[in-house]
Amino acid sequence: MQFTNVSRKTCVLKGHPTVAGAGNGSPTHNTPLKVTPTGRAATVTVRPHGKAWVRLTFVQVQGEGDGYCVSGKTPAACSTMVIGLPRSGKHQVALNDGWWAECDNKVTVTPVSAVKPS
């Protein structure tokens, strides 16, 4: 996931994001996911119009249409997600088209990076 500093000031980020599923509307009405951090966090300086990245890996929904979770839990689908960036607040984001789905209310995250993940 890519983030762009749209302010006129340089910002400094360090750490792993929080992630929550949400509908359209207020980002305060959300369902937090259990975050498993990976990798070591380093300080990332993001100048105005600069970019930073995080990689989010969800437990995949299996099957077609009426998908299922291997764990037996019911898949969750949301139209938006709320990403909490360290030292930068929470930001509500959406796909260009459609919904995102996940199983088990878990996500694995990388720390904020100045380098786009491959």
C-alpha atoms as a PDB file:
ATOM      1  CA  MET A   1       0.000   0.000   0.000  1.00  0.00           C
ATOM      2  CA  GLN A   2       1.396   3.380  -1.010  1.00  0.00           C
ATOM      3  CA  PHE A   3       0.961   6.608   0.944  1.00  0.00           C
ATOM      4  CA  THR A   4       1.771  10.106  -0.315  1.00  0.00           C
ATOM      5  CA  ASN A   5       2.588  13.061   1.917  1.00  0.00           C
ATOM      6  CA  VAL A   6       0.065  15.652   0.710  1.00  0.00           C
ATOM      7  CA  SER A   7       1.073  18.248   3.308  1.00  0.00           C
ATOM      8  CA  ARG A   8       3.589  21.042   2.883  1.00  0.00           C
ATOM      9  CA  LYS A   9       5.743  19.685   5.702  1.00  0.00           C
ATOM     10  CA  THR A  10       8.144  16.775   5.889  1.00  0.00           C
ATOM     11  CA  CYS A  11       6.887  13.987   8.126  1.00  0.00           C
ATOM     12  CA  VAL A  12       8.778  11.247   9.929  1.00  0.00           C
ATOM     13  CA  LEU A  13       7.354   7.740  10.252  1.00  0.00           C
ATOM     14  CA  LYS A  14       8.693   4.740  12.130  1.00  0.00           C
ATOM     15  CA  GLY A  15       6.970   1.501  12.977  1.00  0.00           C
ATOM     16  CA  HIS A  16       4.185  -0.790  11.863  1.00  0.00           C
ATOM     17  CA  PRO A  17       0.673   0.322  10.908  1.00  0.00           C
ATOM     18  CA  THR A  18      -2.579  -0.630  12.576  1.00  0.00           C
ATOM     19  CA  VAL A  19      -5.319  -1.975  10.297  1.00  0.00           C
ATOM     20  CA  ALA A  20      -9.097  -2.071  10.657  1.00  0.00           C
ATOM     21  CA  GLY A  21     -11.974  -2.952   8.361  1.00  0.00           C
ATOM     22  CA  ALA A  22     -14.685  -0.328   7.892  1.00  0.00           C
ATOM     23  CA  GLY A  23     -17.676   0.625   5.790  1.00  0.00           C
ATOM     24  CA  ASN A  24     -18.103   3.945   4.035  1.00  0.00           C
ATOM     25  CA  GLY A  25     -18.297   6.857   6.430  1.00  0.00           C
ATOM     26  CA  SER A  26     -16.499   7.645   9.633  1.00  0.00           C
ATOM     27  CA  PRO A  27     -13.161   5.893  10.158  1.00  0.00           C
ATOM     28  CA  THR A  28     -13.976   5.706  13.890  1.00  0.00           C
ATOM     29  CA  HIS A  29     -16.637   3.052  13.173  1.00  0.00           C
ATOM     30  CA  ASN A  30     -14.333   0.157  12.349  1.00  0.00           C
ATOM     31  CA  THR A  31     -13.306  -3.370  13.315  1.00  0.00           C
ATOM     32  CA  PRO A  32      -9.609  -3.568  14.259  1.00  0.00           C
ATOM     33  CA  LEU A  33      -7.670  -6.559  12.928  1.00  0.00           C
ATOM     34  CA  LYS A  34      -5.034  -8.463  14.879  1.00  0.00           C
ATOM     35  CA  VAL A  35      -1.751  -7.189  13.450  1.00  0.00           C
ATOM     36  CA  THR A  36       1.333  -9.397  13.248  1.00  0.00           C
ATOM     37  CA  PRO A  37       4.349  -7.140  12.622  1.00  0.00           C
ATOM     38  CA  THR A  38       7.273  -8.406  10.533  1.00  0.00           C
ATOM     39  CA  GLY A  39      10.647  -6.850   9.881  1.00  0.00           C
ATOM     40  CA  ARG A  40      12.585  -4.222  11.737  1.00  0.00           C
ATOM     41  CA  ALA A  41      11.290  -0.650  11.737  1.00  0.00           C
ATOM     42  CA  ALA A  42      13.559   2.174  10.608  1.00  0.00           C
ATOM     43  CA  THR A  43      12.919   5.909  10.553  1.00  0.00           C
ATOM     44  CA  VAL A  44      11.407   7.025   7.234  1.00  0.00           C
ATOM     45  CA  THR A  45      11.465  10.714   6.280  1.00  0.00           C
ATOM     46  CA  VAL A  46       8.737  11.617   3.787  1.00  0.00           C
ATOM     47  CA  ARG A  47       9.084  15.017   2.138  1.00  0.00           C
ATOM     48  CA  PRO A  48       6.045  16.835   0.689  1.00  0.00           C
ATOM     49  CA  HIS A  49       4.676  14.774  -2.231  1.00  0.00           C
ATOM     50  CA  GLY A  50       7.044  11.971  -1.203  1.00  0.00           C
ATOM     51  CA  LYS A  51       5.858   8.391  -0.763  1.00  0.00           C
ATOM     52  CA  ALA A  52       6.068   5.623   1.811  1.00  0.00           C
ATOM     53  CA  TRP A  53       4.882   2.022   1.643  1.00  0.00           C
ATOM     54  CA  VAL A  54       3.665  -0.843   3.799  1.00  0.00           C
ATOM     55  CA  ARG A  55       2.812  -4.382   2.739  1.00  0.00           C
ATOM     56  CA  LEU A  56      -0.372  -5.914   4.133  1.00  0.00           C
ATOM     57  CA  THR A  57      -0.909  -9.672   3.888  1.00  0.00           C
ATOM     58  CA  PHE A  58      -4.348 -11.010   4.767  1.00  0.00           C
ATOM     59  CA  VAL A  59      -5.541 -14.562   5.370  1.00  0.00           C
ATOM     60  CA  GLN A  60      -7.044 -15.360   1.975  1.00  0.00           C
ATOM     61  CA  VAL A  61     -10.701 -16.206   1.442  1.00  0.00           C
ATOM     62  CA  GLN A  62     -10.970 -19.550  -0.392  1.00  0.00           C
ATOM     63  CA  GLY A  63     -13.367 -20.552  -3.174  1.00  0.00           C
ATOM     64  CA  GLU A  64     -15.559 -18.521  -5.490  1.00  0.00           C
ATOM     65  CA  GLY A  65     -18.559 -16.269  -4.807  1.00  0.00           C
ATOM     66  CA  ASP A  66     -19.602 -17.624  -1.395  1.00  0.00           C
ATOM     67  CA  GLY A  67     -16.004 -17.997  -0.215  1.00  0.00           C
ATOM     68  CA  TYR A  68     -14.967 -19.672   3.003  1.00  0.00           C
ATOM     69  CA  CYS A  69     -12.163 -19.562   5.540  1.00  0.00           C
ATOM     70  CA  VAL A  70      -9.968 -22.627   6.090  1.00  0.00           C
ATOM     71  CA  SER A  71     -10.328 -21.969   9.837  1.00  0.00           C
ATOM     72  CA  GLY A  72     -14.112 -22.373   9.597  1.00  0.00           C
ATOM     73  CA  LYS A  73     -14.750 -18.727  10.513  1.00  0.00           C
ATOM     74  CA  THR A  74     -16.963 -16.567   8.327  1.00  0.00           C
ATOM     75  CA  PRO A  75     -15.087 -14.309   5.876  1.00  0.00           C
ATOM     76  CA  ALA A  76     -15.328 -10.561   6.440  1.00  0.00           C
ATOM     77  CA  ALA A  77     -15.753  -8.093   3.580  1.00  0.00           C
ATOM     78  CA  CYS A  78     -15.366  -4.323   3.887  1.00  0.00           C
ATOM     79  CA  SER A  79     -15.612  -1.433   1.468  1.00  0.00           C
ATOM     80  CA  THR A  80     -12.810   0.517   3.179  1.00  0.00           C
ATOM     81  CA  MET A  81      -9.962   0.018   5.608  1.00  0.00           C
ATOM     82  CA  VAL A  82      -8.509   2.316   8.220  1.00  0.00           C
ATOM     83  CA  ILE A  83      -4.714   2.358   8.310  1.00  0.00           C
ATOM     84  CA  GLY A  84      -3.001   3.881  11.315  1.00  0.00           C
ATOM     85  CA  LEU A  85       0.424   5.161  10.333  1.00  0.00           C
ATOM     86  CA  PRO A  86       2.909   5.684  13.159  1.00  0.00           C
ATOM     87  CA  ARG A  87       3.063   9.391  14.119  1.00  0.00           C
ATOM     88  CA  SER A  88       0.657  10.275  11.309  1.00  0.00           C
ATOM     89  CA  GLY A  89      -2.854   9.396  12.467  1.00  0.00           C
ATOM     90  CA  LYS A  90      -5.452   7.108  10.933  1.00  0.00           C
ATOM     91  CA  HIS A  91      -6.422   7.246   7.287  1.00  0.00           C
ATOM     92  CA  GLN A  92      -9.496   5.698   5.673  1.00  0.00           C
ATOM     93  CA  VAL A  93      -8.743   4.201   2.252  1.00  0.00           C
ATOM     94  CA  ALA A  94     -10.760   2.272  -0.330  1.00  0.00           C
ATOM     95  CA  LEU A  95     -10.100   0.185  -3.410  1.00  0.00           C
ATOM     96  CA  ASN A  96     -10.724   1.872  -6.751  1.00  0.00           C
ATOM     97  CA  ASP A  97     -13.561  -0.591  -7.298  1.00  0.00           C
ATOM     98  CA  GLY A  98     -15.136  -3.222  -5.076  1.00  0.00           C
ATOM     99  CA  TRP A  99     -14.564  -4.612  -1.612  1.00  0.00           C
ATOM    100  CA  TRP A 100     -11.702  -6.422   0.098  1.00  0.00           C
ATOM    101  CA  ALA A 101     -12.198  -9.650   2.029  1.00  0.00           C
ATOM    102  CA  GLU A 102     -10.189 -11.497   4.649  1.00  0.00           C
ATOM    103  CA  CYS A 103     -10.397 -14.425   7.042  1.00  0.00           C
ATOM    104  CA  ASP A 104      -9.780 -14.654  10.787  1.00  0.00           C
ATOM    105  CA  ASN A 105      -9.535 -10.853  11.382  1.00  0.00           C
ATOM    106  CA  LYS A 106      -5.739 -11.032  11.050  1.00  0.00           C
ATOM    107  CA  VAL A 107      -3.179  -9.214   8.951  1.00  0.00           C
ATOM    108  CA  THR A 108       0.618  -9.413   8.708  1.00  0.00           C
ATOM    109  CA  VAL A 109       2.278  -6.022   8.154  1.00  0.00           C
ATOM    110  CA  THR A 110       5.730  -4.736   7.268  1.00  0.00           C
ATOM    111  CA  PRO A 111       7.070  -1.564   8.844  1.00  0.00           C
ATOM    112  CA  VAL A 112       6.720   1.704   6.974  1.00  0.00           C
ATOM    113  CA  SER A 113       9.367   1.831   4.248  1.00  0.00           C
ATOM    114  CA  ALA A 114      10.854   4.421   1.909  1.00  0.00           C
ATOM    115  CA  VAL A 115      11.252   1.627  -0.668  1.00  0.00           C
ATOM    116  CA  LYS A 116       8.318   0.188  -2.599  1.00  0.00           C
ATOM    117  CA  PRO A 117       7.980  -3.535  -1.751  1.00  0.00           C
ATOM    118  CA  SER A 118       8.467  -5.953  -4.636  1.00  0.00           C
END
